[in-house]
N, C-alpha and C. Protein backbone atom coordinates (compact mmCIF):
# COMPACT_ATOMS: atom_id res chain seq x y z
N MET A 1 89.50 -23.11 179.12
CA MET A 1 89.39 -21.84 179.27
C MET A 1 88.00 -20.95 179.23
N LYS A 2 88.12 -20.12 180.28
CA LYS A 2 87.18 -19.12 180.58
C LYS A 2 86.45 -18.20 179.28
N SER A 3 85.33 -18.23 179.16
CA SER A 3 85.13 -17.12 178.32
C SER A 3 84.97 -15.84 179.06
N LYS A 4 85.04 -14.68 178.48
CA LYS A 4 84.93 -13.17 178.97
C LYS A 4 83.67 -12.90 178.50
N ALA A 5 82.92 -12.27 179.57
CA ALA A 5 81.61 -11.48 179.17
C ALA A 5 81.98 -10.26 178.30
N SER A 6 81.47 -10.04 177.58
CA SER A 6 81.51 -8.89 176.63
C SER A 6 80.87 -7.73 176.42
N LEU A 7 80.76 -6.33 176.27
CA LEU A 7 80.24 -5.83 176.97
C LEU A 7 79.61 -5.52 175.58
N PRO A 8 77.83 -5.16 176.08
CA PRO A 8 76.83 -5.14 175.02
C PRO A 8 77.16 -4.00 173.66
N LEU A 9 76.55 -4.65 172.64
CA LEU A 9 77.00 -3.72 171.52
C LEU A 9 76.77 -2.47 171.74
N SER A 10 74.94 -2.25 172.48
CA SER A 10 75.07 -0.76 172.82
C SER A 10 75.77 0.13 172.96
N TYR A 11 76.45 -0.31 174.27
CA TYR A 11 77.25 0.27 174.63
C TYR A 11 78.78 0.57 174.16
N ARG A 12 79.22 -0.23 173.15
CA ARG A 12 80.35 -0.03 172.22
C ARG A 12 80.15 1.04 171.41
N LEU A 13 78.74 1.05 170.78
CA LEU A 13 78.56 1.78 169.80
C LEU A 13 78.28 3.50 170.64
N GLY A 14 78.09 3.29 171.59
CA GLY A 14 77.97 4.72 172.70
C GLY A 14 79.18 5.25 172.63
N VAL A 15 79.83 4.35 173.01
CA VAL A 15 81.27 4.78 173.08
C VAL A 15 82.10 5.14 172.04
N THR A 16 82.02 4.50 170.42
CA THR A 16 82.21 4.98 169.63
C THR A 16 81.89 6.25 169.13
N SER A 17 80.43 6.16 169.00
CA SER A 17 79.65 8.05 168.90
C SER A 17 80.35 8.52 170.07
N ARG A 18 80.55 8.97 171.15
CA ARG A 18 80.62 9.51 172.38
C ARG A 18 82.46 10.03 171.84
N LEU A 19 83.30 8.66 171.34
CA LEU A 19 84.33 9.11 171.47
C LEU A 19 84.68 10.41 169.52
N LEU A 20 83.77 9.81 169.25
CA LEU A 20 83.60 10.65 167.11
C LEU A 20 83.39 11.91 167.56
N ALA A 21 82.39 12.00 168.29
CA ALA A 21 82.17 13.43 169.03
C ALA A 21 83.02 14.39 169.71
N ALA A 22 83.66 14.00 170.36
CA ALA A 22 85.07 14.43 170.86
C ALA A 22 86.17 14.44 170.29
N VAL A 23 86.44 13.53 169.13
CA VAL A 23 87.54 14.22 167.99
C VAL A 23 87.33 15.05 167.26
N VAL A 24 86.51 14.25 166.64
CA VAL A 24 85.40 14.99 165.39
C VAL A 24 85.14 16.32 165.83
N GLY A 25 84.04 16.67 166.95
CA GLY A 25 83.01 17.71 166.86
C GLY A 25 84.18 18.88 167.38
N GLY A 26 84.96 18.04 168.41
CA GLY A 26 85.99 19.10 169.01
C GLY A 26 86.67 19.88 168.47
N TYR A 27 87.62 19.00 167.57
CA TYR A 27 88.25 19.27 166.70
C TYR A 27 87.15 20.80 165.53
N VAL A 28 86.36 20.91 165.30
CA VAL A 28 85.48 21.70 164.50
C VAL A 28 84.99 22.64 165.35
N LEU A 29 84.74 22.52 166.58
CA LEU A 29 84.68 23.80 167.61
C LEU A 29 85.73 24.27 168.18
N ALA A 30 86.78 23.94 168.13
CA ALA A 30 88.32 24.85 168.22
C ALA A 30 88.30 25.32 167.16
N SER A 31 88.23 24.80 166.23
CA SER A 31 88.82 25.46 164.89
C SER A 31 87.25 26.82 164.58
N LEU A 32 86.47 26.54 164.75
CA LEU A 32 85.46 27.72 164.80
C LEU A 32 85.91 29.10 165.43
N ALA A 33 86.23 28.39 167.09
CA ALA A 33 86.46 29.54 167.83
C ALA A 33 87.51 30.25 167.61
N SER A 34 88.24 29.55 167.20
CA SER A 34 89.87 30.25 166.71
C SER A 34 89.70 31.26 165.78
N VAL A 35 88.86 31.27 164.73
CA VAL A 35 88.44 31.94 163.61
C VAL A 35 87.40 33.14 164.31
N CYS A 36 86.52 32.87 165.17
CA CYS A 36 85.85 33.64 165.58
C CYS A 36 86.43 34.63 166.57
N LEU A 37 87.38 33.99 167.20
CA LEU A 37 88.31 35.12 167.69
C LEU A 37 89.23 35.69 167.32
N THR A 38 89.46 35.00 166.20
CA THR A 38 90.26 36.26 165.15
C THR A 38 89.60 37.64 164.81
N PHE A 39 88.50 36.89 164.51
CA PHE A 39 87.60 37.89 163.75
C PHE A 39 86.92 39.34 165.10
N TRP A 40 86.66 38.76 165.93
CA TRP A 40 86.08 39.46 166.80
C TRP A 40 86.64 40.29 167.81
N LEU A 41 88.20 39.35 168.11
CA LEU A 41 88.86 40.34 169.21
C LEU A 41 89.25 41.91 168.91
N PRO A 42 89.43 42.66 169.76
CA PRO A 42 89.49 44.03 168.96
C PRO A 42 91.32 44.46 169.51
N ILE A 43 92.23 43.52 168.88
CA ILE A 43 92.97 43.90 168.59
C ILE A 43 94.03 43.43 167.55
N SER A 44 95.22 43.44 167.31
CA SER A 44 95.65 43.75 165.66
C SER A 44 95.68 42.39 165.54
N ARG A 45 95.39 42.18 164.47
CA ARG A 45 95.06 40.81 163.74
C ARG A 45 96.35 39.99 164.17
N ALA A 46 97.28 40.00 163.78
CA ALA A 46 98.86 39.17 164.51
C ALA A 46 98.25 38.62 165.90
N ASP A 47 98.05 39.44 166.42
CA ASP A 47 97.61 39.05 168.14
C ASP A 47 96.61 38.60 168.33
N ALA A 48 95.62 38.68 167.45
CA ALA A 48 94.53 38.00 167.26
C ALA A 48 94.55 36.82 167.05
N VAL A 49 95.15 36.21 166.05
CA VAL A 49 95.45 34.94 165.16
C VAL A 49 96.28 34.68 166.49
N VAL A 50 97.10 34.74 167.18
CA VAL A 50 97.82 34.05 168.25
C VAL A 50 96.69 33.95 169.27
N SER A 51 96.33 34.51 169.67
CA SER A 51 95.03 34.24 170.64
C SER A 51 94.29 33.10 170.77
N GLY A 52 93.54 33.26 169.33
CA GLY A 52 92.93 32.40 169.10
C GLY A 52 93.25 30.97 168.93
N MET A 53 94.22 31.22 167.95
CA MET A 53 95.34 29.70 168.27
C MET A 53 95.00 29.05 169.51
N LEU A 54 96.07 29.95 170.61
CA LEU A 54 95.79 29.49 171.61
C LEU A 54 94.55 28.90 172.72
N SER A 55 93.81 30.10 172.35
CA SER A 55 92.50 29.50 173.22
C SER A 55 91.79 28.38 172.28
N SER A 56 92.01 27.78 171.30
CA SER A 56 91.49 26.63 170.67
C SER A 56 91.85 25.51 171.23
N PHE A 57 92.75 25.29 172.04
CA PHE A 57 93.49 24.07 172.78
C PHE A 57 92.34 24.12 173.69
N VAL A 58 92.13 25.43 174.60
CA VAL A 58 91.47 24.99 175.72
C VAL A 58 89.91 24.44 175.16
N PHE A 59 89.53 25.36 174.23
CA PHE A 59 87.77 24.33 173.29
C PHE A 59 87.92 23.07 173.28
N TYR A 60 89.21 22.73 172.78
CA TYR A 60 89.59 21.32 172.48
C TYR A 60 88.98 20.51 173.24
N LEU A 61 90.06 20.64 174.54
CA LEU A 61 89.52 20.13 175.88
C LEU A 61 88.57 19.98 176.65
N LEU A 62 87.79 21.43 176.79
CA LEU A 62 86.42 21.32 176.67
C LEU A 62 85.07 20.44 176.09
N ALA A 63 85.98 20.64 174.65
CA ALA A 63 84.83 19.76 173.91
C ALA A 63 84.86 18.14 174.40
N VAL A 64 86.06 17.90 174.73
CA VAL A 64 86.54 16.52 174.78
C VAL A 64 86.34 15.92 176.49
N ILE A 65 86.14 16.63 177.33
CA ILE A 65 85.62 16.86 178.74
C ILE A 65 83.79 16.23 178.81
N TRP A 66 83.45 17.41 177.69
CA TRP A 66 81.57 17.24 177.67
C TRP A 66 81.57 15.87 177.09
N CYS A 67 82.18 15.45 176.45
CA CYS A 67 81.51 14.62 175.11
C CYS A 67 81.27 13.33 176.31
N PHE A 68 82.71 13.01 177.02
CA PHE A 68 82.76 11.88 177.77
C PHE A 68 82.07 12.03 179.46
N ALA A 69 81.35 13.27 179.64
CA ALA A 69 81.10 13.61 180.57
C ALA A 69 79.38 13.25 180.59
N CYS A 70 78.63 13.52 179.22
CA CYS A 70 77.45 13.40 179.47
C CYS A 70 76.73 12.12 179.62
N ARG A 71 75.68 12.19 180.09
CA ARG A 71 74.89 10.12 179.91
C ARG A 71 74.67 10.18 178.98
N SER A 72 74.21 10.67 177.58
CA SER A 72 74.35 10.17 176.68
C SER A 72 75.22 10.44 175.64
N ALA A 73 75.16 9.60 174.48
CA ALA A 73 75.97 9.92 172.83
C ALA A 73 75.32 11.17 172.12
N ALA A 74 73.80 11.27 172.72
CA ALA A 74 73.18 11.84 171.56
C ALA A 74 73.32 13.17 172.04
N ARG A 75 73.54 13.52 174.43
CA ARG A 75 73.44 14.85 174.57
C ARG A 75 74.88 15.42 174.32
N ALA A 76 76.10 14.61 174.21
CA ALA A 76 77.39 15.01 173.83
C ALA A 76 77.56 15.70 172.09
N TRP A 77 76.82 14.89 171.67
CA TRP A 77 76.69 15.56 169.96
C TRP A 77 76.19 16.83 170.22
N PHE A 78 75.24 16.81 170.91
CA PHE A 78 74.07 18.62 170.81
C PHE A 78 75.07 18.93 171.85
N GLY A 79 75.98 19.08 172.44
CA GLY A 79 76.75 19.89 173.36
C GLY A 79 77.71 20.00 172.61
N VAL A 80 78.16 19.81 171.51
CA VAL A 80 78.92 19.83 170.52
C VAL A 80 78.78 20.90 169.04
N LEU A 81 77.77 20.42 168.60
CA LEU A 81 76.72 20.68 167.57
C LEU A 81 76.14 22.09 167.61
N VAL A 82 75.33 22.62 169.24
CA VAL A 82 75.01 24.11 169.20
C VAL A 82 76.35 25.11 169.40
N PRO A 83 77.17 24.28 170.00
CA PRO A 83 78.35 25.98 169.76
C PRO A 83 78.68 26.17 168.21
N CYS A 84 79.11 24.44 168.01
CA CYS A 84 79.68 24.85 166.68
C CYS A 84 78.62 25.51 165.63
N ALA A 85 77.26 25.74 165.61
CA ALA A 85 76.25 26.39 164.85
C ALA A 85 76.58 27.68 165.30
N ILE A 86 76.54 28.20 166.63
CA ILE A 86 76.36 29.30 167.08
C ILE A 86 77.66 30.16 166.23
N LEU A 87 78.83 29.19 166.81
CA LEU A 87 80.70 29.96 166.29
C LEU A 87 80.29 30.27 164.76
N ALA A 88 79.42 28.82 163.95
CA ALA A 88 79.85 29.20 162.94
C ALA A 88 78.97 30.69 161.95
N THR A 89 77.45 30.85 162.73
CA THR A 89 76.67 31.68 162.75
C THR A 89 77.18 32.88 162.91
N LEU A 90 78.50 33.63 163.60
CA LEU A 90 79.11 34.43 164.44
C LEU A 90 80.53 34.79 163.06
N ALA A 91 81.40 33.62 163.01
CA ALA A 91 82.13 33.99 161.90
C ALA A 91 81.43 33.83 160.93
N GLY A 92 80.28 33.55 160.29
CA GLY A 92 80.25 33.73 158.90
C GLY A 92 79.75 35.53 158.88
N LEU A 93 78.91 36.15 159.73
CA LEU A 93 78.42 37.17 160.07
C LEU A 93 79.39 38.10 160.10
N ALA A 94 80.86 37.59 160.91
CA ALA A 94 82.33 38.75 161.09
C ALA A 94 82.84 38.98 159.67
N TYR A 95 82.88 37.73 158.92
CA TYR A 95 83.25 37.67 157.73
C TYR A 95 82.42 38.18 156.11
N TRP A 96 80.77 38.54 156.65
CA TRP A 96 80.26 38.98 155.77
C TRP A 96 80.12 40.89 156.00
N MET A 97 80.86 41.33 157.60
CA MET A 97 80.76 42.50 157.74
C MET A 97 81.96 43.33 157.12
N ALA A 98 83.05 42.05 157.34
CA ALA A 98 84.45 42.73 156.37
C ALA A 98 84.40 42.54 155.40
N ARG A 99 83.75 41.98 154.27
CA ARG A 99 83.63 42.39 152.97
C ARG A 99 83.28 43.75 152.62
N PRO A 100 83.96 44.31 151.43
CA PRO A 100 83.49 45.63 151.47
C PRO A 100 82.45 45.77 150.32
């Protein structure tokens, strides 16, 4: 029986890291985008929640595409975490401004 050549460990770890960035980072990005849109859209609260939740699917899709289109896993994480930090800052600012 022939032995199949396996892929190097660095490649496997890179794919695993991209997968985690896409699944976990994409979920966080979609959640933060939904919260930010809910806070910042100038429409009624119910419409803003529905619009934010529906647009979260687009943000999640874009995060997954980004993670597997990058040349390295580090760039994939960077491309997901930077928008997450920006959206978290905007959501915190909106929450702080809404408090009495």
